[in-house]
């Protein structure tokens, strides 16, 4: 049997390295920092109907505002939230829209997530009634694209969002994952 020769010095270095690797601490868990909050004015849903994955509906975004640390502007009309509702009320969300800062910078948002809660609360919400947002789990993950040099930090970060749905408005708080 041919066994490769390993010097004592090399073996010692390898063992010492293995001990150091084993002693390294885990990476620090991510923190969330509130980046901005938006208030989107929405139209009544356009019901497509029952499709292969559930009930499809599209909710037009009519406009609105956003503000945060060093950010302020408006939501441009023309975006929409594309939803797929399951029979139990679980809803998959994908909203795409454009923000414009007061300086004229454009920000493209793709926000995907979910909303669910107790059946009776969801029925009221889907009927257009105002419900306590604490009774609904409404969370999304947003990615952002912008050509604005001062806003490149937005294109290079992930955002976890907490939403609230009201009859004619959606409020979304964007938390930057640090």
C-alpha atoms as a PDB file:
ATOM      1  CA  UNK A   1       0.000   0.000   0.000  1.00  0.00           C
ATOM      2  CA  UNK A   2       1.382   3.386  -1.017  1.00  0.00           C
ATOM      3  CA  UNK A   3       0.747   6.008   1.720  1.00  0.00           C
ATOM      4  CA  UNK A   4       1.663   9.619   0.927  1.00  0.00           C
ATOM      5  CA  UNK A   5       4.239  11.195   3.234  1.00  0.00           C
ATOM      6  CA  UNK A   6       3.014  14.171   5.298  1.00  0.00           C
ATOM      7  CA  UNK A   7       5.590  16.122   7.279  1.00  0.00           C
ATOM      8  CA  UNK A   8       4.974  16.752  10.959  1.00  0.00           C
ATOM      9  CA  UNK A   9       5.060  20.519  10.341  1.00  0.00           C
ATOM     10  CA  UNK A  10       2.393  20.302   7.620  1.00  0.00           C
ATOM     11  CA  UNK A  11       0.251  18.015   9.753  1.00  0.00           C
ATOM     12  CA  UNK A  12       0.521  20.449  12.681  1.00  0.00           C
ATOM     13  CA  UNK A  13      -0.473  23.388  10.475  1.00  0.00           C
ATOM     14  CA  UNK A  14      -3.483  21.501   9.137  1.00  0.00           C
ATOM     15  CA  UNK A  15      -4.632  20.514  12.641  1.00  0.00           C
ATOM     16  CA  UNK A  16      -4.149  24.089  13.958  1.00  0.00           C
ATOM     17  CA  UNK A  17      -6.167  25.463  10.991  1.00  0.00           C
ATOM     18  CA  UNK A  18      -8.951  22.978  11.634  1.00  0.00           C
ATOM     19  CA  UNK A  19      -9.137  24.057  15.292  1.00  0.00           C
ATOM     20  CA  UNK A  20      -9.305  27.748  14.283  1.00  0.00           C
ATOM     21  CA  UNK A  21     -12.090  27.062  11.776  1.00  0.00           C
ATOM     22  CA  UNK A  22     -14.024  25.187  14.430  1.00  0.00           C
ATOM     23  CA  UNK A  23     -13.673  28.157  16.830  1.00  0.00           C
ATOM     24  CA  UNK A  24     -14.936  30.823  14.426  1.00  0.00           C
ATOM     25  CA  UNK A  25     -18.184  32.372  15.487  1.00  0.00           C
ATOM     26  CA  UNK A  26     -21.267  32.271  13.320  1.00  0.00           C
ATOM     27  CA  UNK A  27     -22.016  35.342  11.211  1.00  0.00           C
ATOM     28  CA  UNK A  28     -24.058  38.025  12.946  1.00  0.00           C
ATOM     29  CA  UNK A  29     -27.773  37.559  12.240  1.00  0.00           C
ATOM     30  CA  UNK A  30     -29.224  40.223   9.945  1.00  0.00           C
ATOM     31  CA  UNK A  31     -30.945  43.265  11.387  1.00  0.00           C
ATOM     32  CA  UNK A  32     -33.778  45.255   9.877  1.00  0.00           C
ATOM     33  CA  UNK A  33     -33.685  49.022   9.438  1.00  0.00           C
ATOM     34  CA  UNK A  34     -36.789  50.983   8.410  1.00  0.00           C
ATOM     35  CA  UNK A  35     -35.945  52.486   5.009  1.00  0.00           C
ATOM     36  CA  UNK A  36     -39.263  54.029   3.994  1.00  0.00           C
ATOM     37  CA  UNK A  37     -43.032  53.760   4.139  1.00  0.00           C
ATOM     38  CA  UNK A  38     -45.423  54.047   1.236  1.00  0.00           C
ATOM     39  CA  UNK A  39     -49.136  54.730   0.990  1.00  0.00           C
ATOM     40  CA  UNK A  40     -50.537  53.405  -2.290  1.00  0.00           C
ATOM     41  CA  UNK A  41     -53.982  54.337  -3.539  1.00  0.00           C
ATOM     42  CA  UNK A  42     -55.528  51.269  -5.170  1.00  0.00           C
ATOM     43  CA  UNK A  43     -58.561  50.659  -7.381  1.00  0.00           C
ATOM     44  CA  UNK A  44     -61.067  47.861  -6.998  1.00  0.00           C
ATOM     45  CA  UNK A  45     -59.677  44.492  -8.102  1.00  0.00           C
ATOM     46  CA  UNK A  46     -60.109  43.317 -11.684  1.00  0.00           C
ATOM     47  CA  UNK A  47     -61.264  39.702 -11.279  1.00  0.00           C
ATOM     48  CA  UNK A  48     -59.833  37.400 -13.940  1.00  0.00           C
ATOM     49  CA  UNK A  49     -61.521  34.373 -12.372  1.00  0.00           C
ATOM     50  CA  UNK A  50     -60.574  30.839 -11.410  1.00  0.00           C
ATOM     51  CA  UNK A  51     -57.380  29.725 -13.138  1.00  0.00           C
ATOM     52  CA  UNK A  52     -55.102  26.711 -12.675  1.00  0.00           C
ATOM     53  CA  UNK A  53     -53.517  27.972  -9.425  1.00  0.00           C
ATOM     54  CA  UNK A  54     -56.504  29.666  -7.778  1.00  0.00           C
ATOM     55  CA  UNK A  55     -58.505  32.840  -8.355  1.00  0.00           C
ATOM     56  CA  UNK A  56     -56.523  35.468 -10.268  1.00  0.00           C
ATOM     57  CA  UNK A  57     -57.142  39.150  -9.723  1.00  0.00           C
ATOM     58  CA  UNK A  58     -55.215  42.298 -10.530  1.00  0.00           C
ATOM     59  CA  UNK A  59     -55.391  45.428  -8.405  1.00  0.00           C
ATOM     60  CA  UNK A  60     -54.376  48.623 -10.230  1.00  0.00           C
ATOM     61  CA  UNK A  61     -52.152  51.051  -8.326  1.00  0.00           C
ATOM     62  CA  UNK A  62     -53.464  54.562  -8.933  1.00  0.00           C
ATOM     63  CA  UNK A  63     -50.752  56.575  -7.174  1.00  0.00           C
ATOM     64  CA  UNK A  64     -49.685  57.531  -3.688  1.00  0.00           C
ATOM     65  CA  UNK A  65     -46.708  58.759  -1.693  1.00  0.00           C
ATOM     66  CA  UNK A  66     -43.621  57.428   0.054  1.00  0.00           C
ATOM     67  CA  UNK A  67     -41.168  58.847   2.562  1.00  0.00           C
ATOM     68  CA  UNK A  68     -38.256  57.751   4.691  1.00  0.00           C
ATOM     69  CA  UNK A  69     -34.743  58.669   5.713  1.00  0.00           C
ATOM     70  CA  UNK A  70     -33.595  60.996   2.920  1.00  0.00           C
ATOM     71  CA  UNK A  71     -36.419  59.827   0.639  1.00  0.00           C
ATOM     72  CA  UNK A  72     -39.673  61.417  -0.357  1.00  0.00           C
ATOM     73  CA  UNK A  73     -41.799  61.234  -3.451  1.00  0.00           C
ATOM     74  CA  UNK A  74     -44.787  59.791  -5.226  1.00  0.00           C
ATOM     75  CA  UNK A  75     -45.961  56.462  -6.597  1.00  0.00           C
ATOM     76  CA  UNK A  76     -46.603  56.738 -10.317  1.00  0.00           C
ATOM     77  CA  UNK A  77     -49.935  55.417 -11.608  1.00  0.00           C
ATOM     78  CA  UNK A  78     -49.797  52.318 -13.783  1.00  0.00           C
ATOM     79  CA  UNK A  79     -48.425  49.694 -11.425  1.00  0.00           C
ATOM     80  CA  UNK A  80     -50.459  46.734 -10.234  1.00  0.00           C
ATOM     81  CA  UNK A  81     -50.615  43.971  -7.669  1.00  0.00           C
ATOM     82  CA  UNK A  82     -51.169  40.579  -9.308  1.00  0.00           C
ATOM     83  CA  UNK A  83     -52.788  38.237  -6.806  1.00  0.00           C
ATOM     84  CA  UNK A  84     -53.572  34.545  -6.739  1.00  0.00           C
ATOM     85  CA  UNK A  85     -56.134  33.626  -4.062  1.00  0.00           C
ATOM     86  CA  UNK A  86     -56.554  30.114  -2.695  1.00  0.00           C
ATOM     87  CA  UNK A  87     -59.946  28.809  -1.498  1.00  0.00           C
ATOM     88  CA  UNK A  88     -58.807  29.119   2.153  1.00  0.00           C
ATOM     89  CA  UNK A  89     -57.971  32.829   1.653  1.00  0.00           C
ATOM     90  CA  UNK A  90     -54.196  32.452   1.388  1.00  0.00           C
ATOM     91  CA  UNK A  91     -53.055  35.018  -1.185  1.00  0.00           C
ATOM     92  CA  UNK A  92     -49.836  35.150  -3.199  1.00  0.00           C
ATOM     93  CA  UNK A  93     -48.902  38.717  -4.125  1.00  0.00           C
ATOM     94  CA  UNK A  94     -46.669  40.242  -6.763  1.00  0.00           C
ATOM     95  CA  UNK A  95     -46.760  44.011  -7.045  1.00  0.00           C
ATOM     96  CA  UNK A  96     -44.722  45.995  -9.571  1.00  0.00           C
ATOM     97  CA  UNK A  97     -44.676  49.770  -9.605  1.00  0.00           C
ATOM     98  CA  UNK A  98     -42.493  52.848 -10.004  1.00  0.00           C
ATOM     99  CA  UNK A  99     -41.621  55.439  -7.376  1.00  0.00           C
ATOM    100  CA  UNK A 100     -40.390  58.918  -8.257  1.00  0.00           C
ATOM    101  CA  UNK A 101     -38.432  60.987  -5.740  1.00  0.00           C
ATOM    102  CA  UNK A 102     -38.910  64.738  -5.350  1.00  0.00           C
ATOM    103  CA  UNK A 103     -35.612  65.082  -7.270  1.00  0.00           C
ATOM    104  CA  UNK A 104     -37.091  63.164 -10.218  1.00  0.00           C
ATOM    105  CA  UNK A 105     -35.178  59.902  -9.618  1.00  0.00           C
ATOM    106  CA  UNK A 106     -37.028  56.780 -10.707  1.00  0.00           C
ATOM    107  CA  UNK A 107     -37.199  53.625  -8.581  1.00  0.00           C
ATOM    108  CA  UNK A 108     -38.634  50.338  -9.899  1.00  0.00           C
ATOM    109  CA  UNK A 109     -40.065  48.038  -7.213  1.00  0.00           C
ATOM    110  CA  UNK A 110     -40.867  44.323  -7.516  1.00  0.00           C
ATOM    111  CA  UNK A 111     -42.554  43.214  -4.312  1.00  0.00           C
ATOM    112  CA  UNK A 112     -43.542  39.540  -3.844  1.00  0.00           C
ATOM    113  CA  UNK A 113     -45.111  37.947  -0.816  1.00  0.00           C
ATOM    114  CA  UNK A 114     -48.186  36.620   0.895  1.00  0.00           C
ATOM    115  CA  UNK A 115     -51.209  37.555   2.927  1.00  0.00           C
ATOM    116  CA  UNK A 116     -53.318  35.296   5.123  1.00  0.00           C
ATOM    117  CA  UNK A 117     -55.339  35.291   8.315  1.00  0.00           C
ATOM    118  CA  UNK A 118     -58.526  33.958   9.908  1.00  0.00           C
ATOM    119  CA  UNK A 119     -61.197  33.077   7.312  1.00  0.00           C
ATOM    120  CA  UNK A 120     -63.806  35.487   8.659  1.00  0.00           C
ATOM    121  CA  UNK A 121     -61.330  38.399   8.725  1.00  0.00           C
ATOM    122  CA  UNK A 122     -60.111  37.647   5.182  1.00  0.00           C
ATOM    123  CA  UNK A 123     -63.710  37.466   3.933  1.00  0.00           C
ATOM    124  CA  UNK A 124     -64.353  40.946   5.317  1.00  0.00           C
ATOM    125  CA  UNK A 125     -61.060  42.246   3.897  1.00  0.00           C
ATOM    126  CA  UNK A 126     -61.749  40.790   0.429  1.00  0.00           C
ATOM    127  CA  UNK A 127     -65.244  42.303   0.555  1.00  0.00           C
ATOM    128  CA  UNK A 128     -63.630  45.738   0.889  1.00  0.00           C
ATOM    129  CA  UNK A 129     -64.203  46.216   4.622  1.00  0.00           C
ATOM    130  CA  UNK A 130     -61.676  47.802   6.961  1.00  0.00           C
ATOM    131  CA  UNK A 131     -60.137  45.226   9.336  1.00  0.00           C
ATOM    132  CA  UNK A 132     -57.496  45.397  12.065  1.00  0.00           C
ATOM    133  CA  UNK A 133     -54.142  44.913  10.230  1.00  0.00           C
ATOM    134  CA  UNK A 134     -52.760  43.031  13.239  1.00  0.00           C
ATOM    135  CA  UNK A 135     -55.144  40.170  12.415  1.00  0.00           C
ATOM    136  CA  UNK A 136     -53.601  39.666   8.961  1.00  0.00           C
ATOM    137  CA  UNK A 137     -50.154  38.286   8.134  1.00  0.00           C
ATOM    138  CA  UNK A 138     -49.066  40.490   5.201  1.00  0.00           C
ATOM    139  CA  UNK A 139     -45.349  40.144   4.435  1.00  0.00           C
ATOM    140  CA  UNK A 140     -43.336  40.630   1.274  1.00  0.00           C
ATOM    141  CA  UNK A 141     -39.758  40.678   0.000  1.00  0.00           C
ATOM    142  CA  UNK A 142     -38.897  43.545  -2.330  1.00  0.00           C
ATOM    143  CA  UNK A 143     -36.125  44.074  -4.826  1.00  0.00           C
ATOM    144  CA  UNK A 144     -35.425  47.520  -6.198  1.00  0.00           C
ATOM    145  CA  UNK A 145     -33.802  48.821  -9.381  1.00  0.00           C
ATOM    146  CA  UNK A 146     -32.728  52.401  -9.965  1.00  0.00           C
ATOM    147  CA  UNK A 147     -30.274  54.259 -12.177  1.00  0.00           C
ATOM    148  CA  UNK A 148     -29.936  57.090  -9.638  1.00  0.00           C
ATOM    149  CA  UNK A 149     -26.334  57.214  -8.341  1.00  0.00           C
ATOM    150  CA  UNK A 150     -27.293  58.349  -4.819  1.00  0.00           C
ATOM    151  CA  UNK A 151     -29.842  55.520  -4.502  1.00  0.00           C
ATOM    152  CA  UNK A 152     -27.620  52.607  -5.542  1.00  0.00           C
ATOM    153  CA  UNK A 153     -27.764  51.348  -1.954  1.00  0.00           C
ATOM    154  CA  UNK A 154     -31.379  50.418  -2.709  1.00  0.00           C
ATOM    155  CA  UNK A 155     -30.400  48.274  -5.706  1.00  0.00           C
ATOM    156  CA  UNK A 156     -27.830  46.494  -3.570  1.00  0.00           C
ATOM    157  CA  UNK A 157     -30.060  45.529  -0.665  1.00  0.00           C
ATOM    158  CA  UNK A 158     -32.954  43.238   0.137  1.00  0.00           C
ATOM    159  CA  UNK A 159     -36.070  44.591   1.762  1.00  0.00           C
ATOM    160  CA  UNK A 160     -38.555  42.786   3.968  1.00  0.00           C
ATOM    161  CA  UNK A 161     -41.895  44.542   4.060  1.00  0.00           C
ATOM    162  CA  UNK A 162     -44.895  44.603   6.345  1.00  0.00           C
ATOM    163  CA  UNK A 163     -48.160  45.572   4.696  1.00  0.00           C
ATOM    164  CA  UNK A 164     -51.587  46.753   5.727  1.00  0.00           C
ATOM    165  CA  UNK A 165     -54.579  46.539   3.376  1.00  0.00           C
ATOM    166  CA  UNK A 166     -57.438  49.023   3.614  1.00  0.00           C
ATOM    167  CA  UNK A 167     -60.440  49.461   1.276  1.00  0.00           C
ATOM    168  CA  UNK A 168     -58.744  52.013  -1.018  1.00  0.00           C
ATOM    169  CA  UNK A 169     -55.159  52.070   0.269  1.00  0.00           C
ATOM    170  CA  UNK A 170     -52.228  49.798   0.994  1.00  0.00           C
ATOM    171  CA  UNK A 171     -49.564  50.864   3.501  1.00  0.00           C
ATOM    172  CA  UNK A 172     -46.192  49.131   3.193  1.00  0.00           C
ATOM    173  CA  UNK A 173     -43.160  49.618   5.428  1.00  0.00           C
ATOM    174  CA  UNK A 174     -39.857  48.657   3.761  1.00  0.00           C
ATOM    175  CA  UNK A 175     -37.173  47.324   6.109  1.00  0.00           C
ATOM    176  CA  UNK A 176     -33.662  47.070   4.714  1.00  0.00           C
ATOM    177  CA  UNK A 177     -31.911  43.837   5.627  1.00  0.00           C
ATOM    178  CA  UNK A 178     -28.591  44.857   7.154  1.00  0.00           C
END
